Amino acid sequence: MAHRFLVLGCRTMRDGVVVSFVFLAAAVLLFLAATHVVPAVAFAQQLVLLLALVLIVLAPVVLVSTFLIAVLPGARAKLENCEH
């Protein structure tokens, strides 16, 4: 089952980059929402900021893990057919 997650192709490489960008954009939007929109009631701002922090940490994790899977032995043969 773990080997199935390590399968890399052109689509999964693009998906990793897109997911990383979406996490980063969502984190910035949540940060702005927490500072300007969310009221200071019952730790609401802190919860939104915590979610933004989690997303900002996950964005580079997804990007780096996608890169590390891409440099595994045997991944070059799969990525040679990709159109960049």
Protein backbone atom coordinates (compact mmCIF):
# COMPACT_ATOMS: atom_id res chain seq x y z
CA MET A 1 0.00 0.00 0.00
CA ALA A 2 2.81 2.46 0.81
CA HIS A 3 4.39 1.78 -2.59
CA ARG A 4 1.18 3.00 -4.25
CA PHE A 5 1.69 6.47 -2.73
CA LEU A 6 5.20 6.68 -4.17
CA VAL A 7 4.02 6.33 -7.77
CA LEU A 8 5.00 9.49 -9.60
CA GLY A 9 3.85 10.70 -12.94
CA CYS A 10 3.39 13.96 -14.79
CA ARG A 11 -0.03 14.50 -13.26
CA THR A 12 1.02 13.81 -9.67
CA MET A 13 3.97 16.17 -10.02
CA ARG A 14 1.67 18.97 -11.20
CA ASP A 15 -0.88 18.12 -8.51
CA GLY A 16 1.77 18.44 -5.80
CA VAL A 17 2.75 21.90 -6.99
CA VAL A 18 -0.88 23.01 -7.32
CA VAL A 19 -1.81 21.70 -3.86
CA SER A 20 1.18 23.48 -2.37
CA PHE A 21 0.12 26.75 -4.01
CA VAL A 22 -3.48 26.33 -2.86
CA PHE A 23 -2.34 25.71 0.73
CA LEU A 24 -0.17 28.82 0.63
CA ALA A 25 -2.92 31.00 -0.88
CA ALA A 26 -5.49 29.69 1.61
CA ALA A 27 -3.12 30.38 4.50
CA VAL A 28 -2.61 33.98 3.38
CA LEU A 29 -6.37 34.47 2.98
CA LEU A 30 -7.06 32.94 6.39
CA PHE A 31 -4.42 35.17 7.95
CA LEU A 32 -6.04 38.25 6.41
CA ALA A 33 -9.50 37.06 7.47
CA ALA A 34 -8.34 36.48 11.03
CA THR A 35 -6.89 39.96 11.32
CA HIS A 36 -9.67 41.91 9.58
CA VAL A 37 -12.92 39.91 9.47
CA VAL A 38 -13.18 37.35 12.29
CA PRO A 39 -14.49 38.86 15.55
CA ALA A 40 -12.56 38.44 18.78
CA VAL A 41 -15.10 36.07 20.31
CA ALA A 42 -14.33 32.76 22.02
CA PHE A 43 -10.82 32.38 20.56
CA ALA A 44 -12.16 32.53 16.99
CA GLN A 45 -9.22 34.60 15.75
CA GLN A 46 -6.72 32.23 17.32
CA LEU A 47 -8.39 29.20 15.77
CA VAL A 48 -8.33 30.75 12.30
CA LEU A 49 -4.69 31.78 12.80
CA LEU A 50 -3.85 28.23 13.90
CA LEU A 51 -5.42 26.84 10.74
CA ALA A 52 -3.47 29.37 8.67
CA LEU A 53 -0.26 28.33 10.44
CA VAL A 54 -0.94 24.65 9.77
CA LEU A 55 -1.54 25.36 6.08
CA ILE A 56 1.58 27.51 5.82
CA VAL A 57 3.63 24.66 7.30
CA LEU A 58 2.02 22.03 5.07
CA ALA A 59 2.65 23.94 1.82
CA PRO A 60 6.44 23.45 1.75
CA VAL A 61 6.08 19.92 3.17
CA VAL A 62 3.95 18.92 0.17
CA LEU A 63 6.33 20.63 -2.25
CA VAL A 64 9.47 19.08 -0.74
CA SER A 65 7.92 15.61 -0.55
CA THR A 66 6.90 15.85 -4.21
CA PHE A 67 10.47 16.81 -5.08
CA LEU A 68 11.93 13.98 -3.01
CA ILE A 69 9.67 11.44 -4.70
CA ALA A 70 10.76 12.86 -8.06
CA VAL A 71 14.43 12.23 -7.32
CA LEU A 72 13.96 8.61 -6.25
CA PRO A 73 15.77 6.08 -8.41
CA GLY A 74 13.62 5.08 -11.35
CA ALA A 75 11.54 8.26 -11.33
CA ARG A 76 13.54 9.82 -14.16
CA ALA A 77 12.29 7.20 -16.63
CA LYS A 78 8.69 7.98 -15.71
CA LEU A 79 9.18 11.75 -16.00
CA GLU A 80 10.99 11.71 -19.37
CA ASN A 81 7.70 11.50 -21.26
CA CYS A 82 6.24 14.60 -19.55
CA GLU A 83 5.55 17.76 -21.49
CA HIS A 84 6.70 20.74 -19.45
